[in-house]
Amino acid sequence: MKLCILVSALCILTSLGLGSDVDVDGILAPSGNVDSGQTIIPRMVITNLSGEPADSVSAFFTIEDGTPSGYRDSITGFNMSALTTETLAFGGWVPRGRDSATATAWIHCDGDTYPQNDTLSLRFFVRVKDIAVIQMIAPPPDTVYDSGVVIYPQCRLRNCGNIPFVVEVRFRIGSYQSSRSIPIIFPGQEIVVHAPAPFTAIPGIWACICNAVVVGDLHPENNIMVDTFTVTGTIYRDVGVTRLWQDSVDLIHGVFANLGDDAAAFWCFIALRDSANRTVFEDSNQVLLGPGDSSELAFFTITPSPGWCVACSVCMVGDQDSTNNVKYLWFPSAVAEDGGQPRASSHKPQATVMRRLPAGAVAFDAMGRRVVNPKSGIYFVADDGARNAVHVRKVVIQR
């Protein structure tokens, strides 16, 4: 009875302005369900319940999320007018844990007469999306097939997250592509996914790529599995990237080769990705090469930062060896792969927008057909008039 009277008296004194009372009204975020890997802005609501200003108020926010350090932030030394409510936003937090987590918010104010309402805790759930390709079933790694065999690629998936979600599985072997959508896969479940379209084996050394695509996946590094297999027979159509190096801060060199028995027209690509695997620069060029010939291309990119990666690749329909189609270079680096050393550029950038072709140049359209009198548009130009062992560059003709 005496305790009730004391509490009532404190409340009356507070309302009369004889004391201060700042309380935590609520935690707005994080709450309910949040997705792991997504940036959350922790927010809390506080109110000055007294009829007097509250000076030098400090607010604190912590999140115990199962990681060693958790999250901690604070906003200190601010004032609140009498009978006002404020919403405070703290520094961003990226959930790295999973399942249940606890957010705790509290305030400190000198002379606070009712500290019982200064702290509030809230439990919420961290959703984790994580699909993993754990096995390539068909074709089995390093298997040798006879030419003409029909294969339906298969892989095994596991939901390593804690919620069910939709996943799309994409299979690729050279120019062959097939995909299947899985409407739901539950936490901890493993399933075998079959490609709906068949692949007919033709001679060559092939890489089978299985990629499970999930929006918001926390661990995209385990979404892809690549294994090689061999189909008996002679390889006669083969293009590849044989060298890749950095010549200066923003100049990348690649050597692209026709390793087959016939002349080949194919595309060369470059992609510069940052440390978060986002593409920040990309370019492409078409190359026409005779059998056994190679071409060195120089690409001007934006200045890379440490942790970035450049990928050079080739694409040709019917390429029988996809294992040599791409090379990677990580920054900072000035040494080429395969033991190559950096050297001065022998290829200077040339104009890509012009009113007429240079003397002696030959133009081709996107299908590789020679154009005698090009109109305005995009063409591929061989500057010395030859169709093999030559650098073909993309130009824009403006009449």
Protein backbone atom coordinates (compact mmCIF):
# COMPACT_ATOMS: atom_id res chain seq x y z
CA MET A 1 0.00 0.00 0.00
CA LYS A 2 2.82 2.40 0.87
CA LEU A 3 4.59 1.55 -2.42
CA CYS A 4 1.50 2.44 -4.47
CA ILE A 5 1.17 5.74 -2.66
CA LEU A 6 4.85 6.52 -3.32
CA VAL A 7 4.58 5.80 -7.04
CA SER A 8 1.45 7.92 -7.33
CA ALA A 9 3.17 10.74 -5.55
CA LEU A 10 6.11 10.59 -7.97
CA CYS A 11 3.78 10.74 -10.94
CA ILE A 12 1.99 13.77 -9.48
CA LEU A 13 5.29 15.51 -8.82
CA THR A 14 6.41 14.83 -12.38
CA SER A 15 3.20 16.21 -13.88
CA LEU A 16 3.53 19.31 -11.75
CA GLY A 17 7.00 19.99 -13.17
CA LEU A 18 8.87 19.10 -9.99
CA GLY A 19 10.89 16.35 -11.74
CA SER A 20 11.80 15.05 -15.19
CA ASP A 21 10.66 11.85 -16.88
CA VAL A 22 11.91 10.85 -20.32
CA ASP A 23 10.83 7.37 -21.40
CA VAL A 24 11.36 4.96 -24.31
CA ASP A 25 8.01 4.66 -26.06
CA GLY A 26 8.96 2.05 -28.64
CA ILE A 27 11.46 0.46 -31.02
CA LEU A 28 10.44 0.99 -34.63
CA ALA A 29 13.32 -0.91 -36.25
CA PRO A 30 14.44 -3.60 -36.31
CA SER A 31 11.18 -5.35 -35.58
CA GLY A 32 9.14 -8.26 -36.89
CA ASN A 33 11.11 -9.97 -39.69
CA VAL A 34 14.27 -8.54 -41.26
CA ASP A 35 16.42 -9.96 -44.05
CA SER A 36 20.02 -10.87 -43.37
CA GLY A 37 22.46 -8.86 -45.44
CA GLN A 38 20.09 -5.88 -45.86
CA THR A 39 20.93 -2.53 -44.24
CA ILE A 40 18.58 -1.63 -41.36
CA ILE A 41 18.39 1.82 -39.73
CA PRO A 42 17.67 1.24 -36.00
CA ARG A 43 15.04 3.70 -34.72
CA MET A 44 13.51 4.38 -31.32
CA VAL A 45 10.79 6.73 -30.05
CA ILE A 46 11.25 8.69 -26.80
CA THR A 47 8.94 11.13 -24.99
CA ASN A 48 9.49 13.83 -22.37
CA LEU A 49 6.50 13.24 -20.11
CA SER A 50 7.25 16.13 -17.77
CA GLY A 51 6.22 19.75 -17.98
CA GLU A 52 9.84 20.92 -17.94
CA PRO A 53 12.58 20.69 -20.59
CA ALA A 54 14.94 17.75 -20.29
CA ASP A 55 18.57 18.69 -20.73
CA SER A 56 21.56 16.53 -21.75
CA VAL A 57 19.58 13.45 -22.76
CA SER A 58 21.51 10.48 -24.12
CA ALA A 59 20.03 7.54 -26.05
CA PHE A 60 21.63 4.14 -26.60
CA PHE A 61 20.83 1.25 -28.93
CA THR A 62 22.26 -2.28 -28.95
CA ILE A 63 21.45 -5.40 -30.94
CA GLU A 64 22.49 -8.86 -29.79
CA ASP A 65 22.39 -10.79 -33.04
CA GLY A 66 24.50 -13.84 -32.31
CA THR A 67 27.71 -12.37 -33.73
CA PRO A 68 30.72 -11.68 -31.44
CA SER A 69 30.53 -7.88 -31.55
CA GLY A 70 26.81 -7.28 -32.16
CA TYR A 71 25.67 -3.70 -32.75
CA ARG A 72 26.06 -0.65 -30.51
CA ASP A 73 25.41 3.04 -31.18
CA SER A 74 24.41 6.15 -29.23
CA ILE A 75 23.20 9.74 -29.58
CA THR A 76 24.30 11.89 -26.67
CA GLY A 77 23.90 15.36 -25.20
CA PHE A 78 20.64 16.56 -26.77
CA ASN A 79 17.76 18.50 -25.19
CA MET A 80 14.00 17.89 -25.28
CA SER A 81 11.22 20.41 -24.80
CA ALA A 82 8.47 19.69 -22.30
CA LEU A 83 5.80 17.15 -23.38
CA THR A 84 7.43 16.36 -26.74
CA THR A 85 8.11 13.12 -28.62
CA GLU A 86 11.15 12.41 -30.77
CA THR A 87 12.10 9.61 -33.18
CA LEU A 88 15.83 8.90 -33.14
CA ALA A 89 17.64 7.17 -36.03
CA PHE A 90 21.00 5.50 -35.45
CA GLY A 91 23.77 4.29 -37.74
CA GLY A 92 22.97 1.52 -40.21
CA TRP A 93 23.15 -2.13 -39.16
CA VAL A 94 23.57 -5.14 -41.48
CA PRO A 95 22.30 -8.41 -39.96
CA ARG A 96 24.93 -11.15 -40.16
CA GLY A 97 23.33 -13.56 -37.72
CA ARG A 98 20.18 -15.60 -38.12
CA ASP A 99 16.97 -16.60 -36.31
CA SER A 100 15.98 -14.68 -33.15
CA ALA A 101 17.79 -11.50 -32.12
CA THR A 102 17.17 -8.83 -29.46
CA ALA A 103 17.24 -5.05 -29.79
CA THR A 104 17.56 -2.97 -26.62
CA ALA A 105 17.03 0.79 -26.40
CA TRP A 106 17.51 2.96 -23.35
CA ILE A 107 17.97 6.60 -22.38
CA HIS A 108 19.76 8.51 -19.65
CA CYS A 109 18.66 11.89 -18.33
CA ASP A 110 19.99 13.63 -15.21
CA GLY A 111 17.27 14.00 -12.60
CA ASP A 112 14.94 11.45 -14.19
CA THR A 113 12.38 10.65 -11.50
CA TYR A 114 11.06 7.43 -13.03
CA PRO A 115 13.89 5.26 -14.41
CA GLN A 116 11.59 2.22 -14.71
CA ASN A 117 10.49 3.33 -18.20
CA ASP A 118 13.98 4.21 -19.50
CA THR A 119 14.72 0.81 -21.10
CA LEU A 120 12.89 -1.30 -23.66
CA SER A 121 13.83 -4.61 -25.33
CA LEU A 122 12.28 -6.19 -28.42
CA ARG A 123 12.85 -9.58 -30.03
CA PHE A 124 12.71 -9.96 -33.80
CA PHE A 125 13.54 -12.59 -36.41
CA VAL A 126 16.45 -12.48 -38.89
CA ARG A 127 15.51 -14.21 -42.12
CA VAL A 128 18.38 -15.82 -44.02
CA LYS A 129 18.26 -16.61 -47.73
CA ASP A 130 21.06 -18.98 -48.62
CA ILE A 131 20.83 -21.57 -51.38
CA ALA A 132 23.83 -23.75 -52.19
CA VAL A 133 24.66 -25.99 -55.14
CA ILE A 134 26.25 -28.94 -53.33
CA GLN A 135 26.67 -31.51 -56.12
CA MET A 136 26.85 -31.75 -59.89
CA ILE A 137 25.06 -35.02 -60.70
CA ALA A 138 24.97 -34.99 -64.49
CA PRO A 139 27.26 -34.83 -66.24
CA PRO A 140 29.51 -36.24 -63.48
CA PRO A 141 32.85 -34.41 -63.18
CA ASP A 142 35.62 -35.59 -65.51
CA THR A 143 33.35 -38.04 -67.33
CA VAL A 144 34.16 -39.02 -70.94
CA TYR A 145 31.18 -39.31 -73.30
CA ASP A 146 30.85 -40.50 -76.87
CA SER A 147 29.82 -37.92 -79.42
CA GLY A 148 26.06 -37.76 -79.92
CA VAL A 149 25.10 -38.81 -76.39
CA VAL A 150 22.08 -36.90 -75.03
CA ILE A 151 22.53 -35.45 -71.51
CA TYR A 152 20.02 -33.78 -69.19
CA PRO A 153 22.15 -31.76 -66.72
CA GLN A 154 21.28 -32.28 -63.05
CA CYS A 155 22.46 -30.80 -59.76
CA ARG A 156 21.62 -31.07 -56.08
CA LEU A 157 20.55 -27.99 -54.07
CA ARG A 158 20.31 -27.34 -50.34
CA ASN A 159 18.40 -24.57 -48.58
CA CYS A 160 20.98 -23.44 -46.03
CA GLY A 161 18.75 -20.57 -44.85
CA ASN A 162 15.92 -20.48 -42.33
CA ILE A 163 12.95 -19.58 -44.53
CA PRO A 164 11.36 -21.15 -47.63
CA PHE A 165 11.89 -19.33 -50.91
CA VAL A 166 11.72 -19.57 -54.69
CA VAL A 167 14.85 -20.40 -56.69
CA GLU A 168 15.67 -20.47 -60.40
CA VAL A 169 18.33 -22.95 -61.51
CA ARG A 170 20.23 -22.17 -64.71
CA PHE A 171 22.39 -24.67 -66.62
CA ARG A 172 24.91 -23.71 -69.29
CA ILE A 173 27.30 -25.73 -71.46
CA GLY A 174 28.92 -23.61 -74.16
CA SER A 175 26.06 -22.04 -76.13
CA TYR A 176 23.52 -24.47 -74.58
CA GLN A 177 21.28 -22.92 -71.90
CA SER A 178 18.35 -24.31 -69.95
CA SER A 179 16.65 -23.23 -66.72
CA ARG A 180 14.04 -24.47 -64.28
CA SER A 181 12.10 -22.56 -61.60
CA ILE A 182 11.56 -24.26 -58.22
CA PRO A 183 8.38 -22.83 -56.61
CA ILE A 184 9.49 -23.51 -53.03
CA ILE A 185 12.37 -25.10 -51.13
CA PHE A 186 12.12 -25.35 -47.34
CA PRO A 187 14.86 -24.72 -44.74
CA GLY A 188 17.28 -27.65 -44.61
CA GLN A 189 15.67 -29.34 -47.63
CA GLU A 190 17.78 -30.90 -50.39
CA ILE A 191 16.40 -31.43 -53.88
CA VAL A 192 17.67 -32.67 -57.25
CA VAL A 193 16.98 -30.33 -60.17
CA HIS A 194 16.89 -31.53 -63.79
CA ALA A 195 17.37 -29.27 -66.79
CA PRO A 196 14.22 -29.42 -68.95
CA ALA A 197 16.13 -29.29 -72.27
CA PRO A 198 18.65 -31.92 -73.45
CA PHE A 199 22.28 -31.29 -74.40
CA THR A 200 23.62 -33.30 -77.34
CA ALA A 201 27.31 -34.05 -76.84
CA ILE A 202 29.71 -32.91 -79.55
CA PRO A 203 33.49 -33.41 -79.42
CA GLY A 204 35.32 -31.11 -77.07
CA ILE A 205 36.23 -30.26 -73.48
CA TRP A 206 33.19 -28.71 -71.85
CA ALA A 207 32.41 -26.87 -68.65
CA CYS A 208 28.93 -27.45 -67.21
CA ILE A 209 27.83 -24.46 -65.13
CA CYS A 210 24.98 -24.71 -62.64
CA ASN A 211 23.80 -21.42 -61.12
CA ALA A 212 21.05 -21.14 -58.48
CA VAL A 213 19.55 -17.64 -58.51
CA VAL A 214 17.86 -16.26 -55.38
CA VAL A 215 17.13 -12.55 -54.88
CA GLY A 216 18.81 -11.38 -51.66
CA ASP A 217 20.95 -14.50 -51.19
CA LEU A 218 23.34 -13.92 -48.26
CA HIS A 219 26.07 -16.19 -49.63
CA PRO A 220 26.12 -15.93 -53.45
CA GLU A 221 29.56 -17.55 -53.51
CA ASN A 222 28.01 -21.02 -53.05
CA ASN A 223 25.35 -20.56 -55.74
CA ILE A 224 27.52 -21.71 -58.64
CA MET A 225 29.23 -25.02 -59.37
CA VAL A 226 31.36 -25.68 -62.43
CA ASP A 227 32.66 -29.09 -63.52
CA THR A 228 34.25 -30.25 -66.75
CA PHE A 229 33.66 -33.29 -68.91
CA THR A 230 35.02 -34.54 -72.23
CA VAL A 231 33.32 -35.71 -75.40
CA THR A 232 35.46 -37.89 -77.64
CA GLY A 233 36.35 -36.62 -81.09
CA THR A 234 38.51 -33.95 -82.71
CA ILE A 235 38.30 -30.34 -81.52
CA TYR A 236 38.27 -28.12 -84.59
CA ARG A 237 36.38 -25.01 -83.38
CA ASP A 238 38.03 -23.35 -80.39
CA VAL A 239 38.67 -19.77 -79.35
CA GLY A 240 40.05 -18.58 -76.03
CA VAL A 241 41.71 -15.93 -73.87
CA THR A 242 45.42 -16.77 -73.68
CA ARG A 243 46.82 -13.79 -71.71
CA LEU A 244 45.56 -10.92 -69.55
CA TRP A 245 47.51 -8.14 -67.86
CA GLN A 246 47.42 -4.56 -66.64
CA ASP A 247 49.69 -2.15 -68.51
CA SER A 248 48.88 1.09 -66.68
CA VAL A 249 46.43 2.32 -64.08
CA ASP A 250 43.40 2.03 -66.33
CA LEU A 251 44.61 0.08 -69.39
CA ILE A 252 43.93 -3.66 -69.58
CA HIS A 253 45.43 -5.91 -72.28
CA GLY A 254 44.08 -9.26 -73.40
CA VAL A 255 45.26 -11.70 -76.03
CA PHE A 256 42.47 -13.57 -77.80
CA ALA A 257 43.26 -16.56 -80.01
CA ASN A 258 41.67 -18.79 -82.61
CA LEU A 259 42.89 -22.25 -81.60
CA GLY A 260 40.78 -24.11 -84.15
CA ASP A 261 41.27 -25.30 -87.71
CA ASP A 262 39.05 -22.77 -89.51
CA ALA A 263 38.66 -19.00 -89.57
CA ALA A 264 36.54 -17.75 -86.69
CA ALA A 265 34.49 -14.62 -85.97
CA PHE A 266 33.77 -14.20 -82.28
CA TRP A 267 33.13 -11.65 -79.57
CA CYS A 268 35.57 -10.56 -76.87
CA PHE A 269 34.23 -9.10 -73.62
CA ILE A 270 35.68 -7.27 -70.64
CA ALA A 271 33.92 -6.63 -67.33
CA LEU A 272 35.31 -4.76 -64.33
CA ARG A 273 33.65 -5.65 -61.03
CA ASP A 274 34.03 -4.01 -57.62
CA SER A 275 34.58 -5.78 -54.30
CA ALA A 276 30.79 -6.36 -53.99
CA ASN A 277 30.80 -8.11 -57.41
CA ARG A 278 28.89 -5.25 -59.06
CA THR A 279 29.78 -4.46 -62.68
CA VAL A 280 31.21 -0.93 -62.89
CA PHE A 281 32.54 -1.08 -66.47
CA GLU A 282 32.05 -3.35 -69.46
CA ASP A 283 32.95 -3.31 -73.14
CA SER A 284 33.03 -5.71 -76.09
CA ASN A 285 34.73 -6.11 -79.43
CA GLN A 286 34.40 -8.44 -82.40
CA VAL A 287 37.48 -10.24 -83.71
CA LEU A 288 38.00 -12.09 -87.00
CA LEU A 289 40.95 -14.49 -86.87
CA GLY A 290 42.42 -17.15 -89.11
CA PRO A 291 43.32 -20.59 -87.71
CA GLY A 292 46.16 -20.37 -85.20
CA ASP A 293 46.13 -16.55 -85.17
CA SER A 294 45.74 -14.26 -82.17
CA SER A 295 44.90 -10.62 -81.55
CA GLU A 296 45.87 -8.29 -78.70
CA LEU A 297 43.20 -5.85 -77.57
CA ALA A 298 43.60 -2.94 -75.17
CA PHE A 299 40.63 -1.78 -73.10
CA PHE A 300 40.51 1.56 -71.32
CA THR A 301 38.56 1.15 -68.08
CA ILE A 302 37.91 3.35 -65.07
CA THR A 303 40.64 3.28 -62.45
CA PRO A 304 40.23 0.07 -60.40
CA SER A 305 40.45 -0.08 -56.60
CA PRO A 306 41.96 -2.81 -54.39
CA GLY A 307 39.71 -5.87 -54.27
CA TRP A 308 38.27 -5.24 -57.74
CA CYS A 309 38.47 -7.85 -60.49
CA VAL A 310 38.55 -7.71 -64.27
CA ALA A 311 37.28 -10.61 -66.37
CA CYS A 312 38.06 -11.05 -70.07
CA SER A 313 36.09 -13.66 -71.99
CA VAL A 314 35.17 -14.86 -75.47
CA CYS A 315 31.94 -16.16 -76.95
CA MET A 316 31.48 -18.11 -80.17
CA VAL A 317 28.62 -20.38 -81.15
CA GLY A 318 29.95 -23.92 -81.50
CA ASP A 319 33.11 -23.35 -79.43
CA GLN A 320 34.22 -26.87 -78.47
CA ASP A 321 36.42 -26.00 -75.48
CA SER A 322 34.77 -23.61 -73.03
CA THR A 323 37.43 -24.15 -70.34
CA ASN A 324 39.73 -21.51 -71.87
CA ASN A 325 37.08 -18.87 -72.50
CA VAL A 326 37.74 -16.57 -69.53
CA LYS A 327 40.62 -15.19 -67.49
CA TYR A 328 40.54 -13.06 -64.34
CA LEU A 329 42.85 -10.40 -62.94
CA TRP A 330 42.53 -9.07 -59.39
CA PHE A 331 43.71 -5.63 -58.29
CA PRO A 332 46.08 -4.24 -57.32
CA SER A 333 48.19 -6.11 -59.88
CA ALA A 334 50.66 -5.27 -62.63
CA VAL A 335 51.75 -8.82 -63.45
CA ALA A 336 50.00 -10.87 -66.08
CA GLU A 337 48.69 -14.34 -65.59
CA ASP A 338 50.63 -17.25 -67.03
CA GLY A 339 53.94 -15.60 -66.14
CA GLY A 340 53.58 -12.65 -68.53
CA GLN A 341 55.15 -9.35 -67.57
CA PRO A 342 53.70 -5.87 -67.98
CA ARG A 343 54.90 -4.05 -71.05
CA ALA A 344 54.25 -0.83 -72.89
CA SER A 345 51.08 -0.61 -74.91
CA SER A 346 51.43 -1.16 -78.65
CA HIS A 347 47.83 -0.25 -79.32
CA LYS A 348 46.77 3.38 -79.12
CA PRO A 349 43.09 4.24 -78.85
CA GLN A 350 41.50 5.23 -82.15
CA ALA A 351 38.41 7.24 -82.90
CA THR A 352 35.17 5.32 -82.53
CA VAL A 353 32.88 8.01 -84.00
CA MET A 354 33.67 9.12 -87.55
CA ARG A 355 32.06 10.49 -90.71
CA ARG A 356 33.84 8.14 -93.13
CA LEU A 357 36.03 5.06 -93.06
CA PRO A 358 39.83 5.43 -92.97
CA ALA A 359 41.64 4.76 -96.22
CA GLY A 360 42.00 1.02 -96.86
CA ALA A 361 39.64 0.03 -94.05
CA VAL A 362 37.00 -2.66 -94.51
CA ALA A 363 33.67 -2.55 -92.64
CA PHE A 364 31.50 -5.47 -91.51
CA ASP A 365 28.03 -5.48 -90.00
CA ALA A 366 27.01 -7.33 -86.83
CA MET A 367 26.59 -10.57 -88.83
CA GLY A 368 30.14 -10.40 -90.17
CA ARG A 369 29.07 -9.39 -93.69
CA ARG A 370 31.23 -6.91 -95.59
CA VAL A 371 29.66 -3.49 -96.18
CA VAL A 372 30.94 -1.59 -99.23
CA ASN A 373 29.23 1.77 -98.65
CA PRO A 374 28.24 1.97 -94.98
CA LYS A 375 25.44 4.32 -93.99
CA SER A 376 25.04 5.82 -90.54
CA GLY A 377 25.19 3.11 -87.90
CA ILE A 378 27.45 0.76 -85.93
CA TYR A 379 30.07 -1.32 -87.80
CA PHE A 380 33.17 -3.39 -87.16
CA VAL A 381 36.22 -2.13 -89.00
CA ALA A 382 39.40 -3.96 -90.02
CA ASP A 383 41.86 -1.12 -90.61
CA ASP A 384 44.33 -2.98 -92.84
CA GLY A 385 41.72 -4.63 -95.05
CA ALA A 386 42.46 -8.21 -93.97
CA ARG A 387 39.89 -10.53 -92.40
CA ASN A 388 42.23 -12.67 -90.33
CA ALA A 389 44.85 -11.98 -87.67
CA VAL A 390 43.59 -8.43 -87.36
CA HIS A 391 42.11 -6.22 -84.67
CA VAL A 392 38.51 -5.45 -85.55
CA ARG A 393 37.14 -2.46 -83.66
CA LYS A 394 33.63 -1.15 -83.21
CA VAL A 395 32.92 2.27 -84.74
CA VAL A 396 29.95 4.57 -85.21
CA ILE A 397 29.54 6.12 -88.68
CA GLN A 398 27.74 9.48 -88.68
CA ARG A 399 26.93 10.79 -92.16
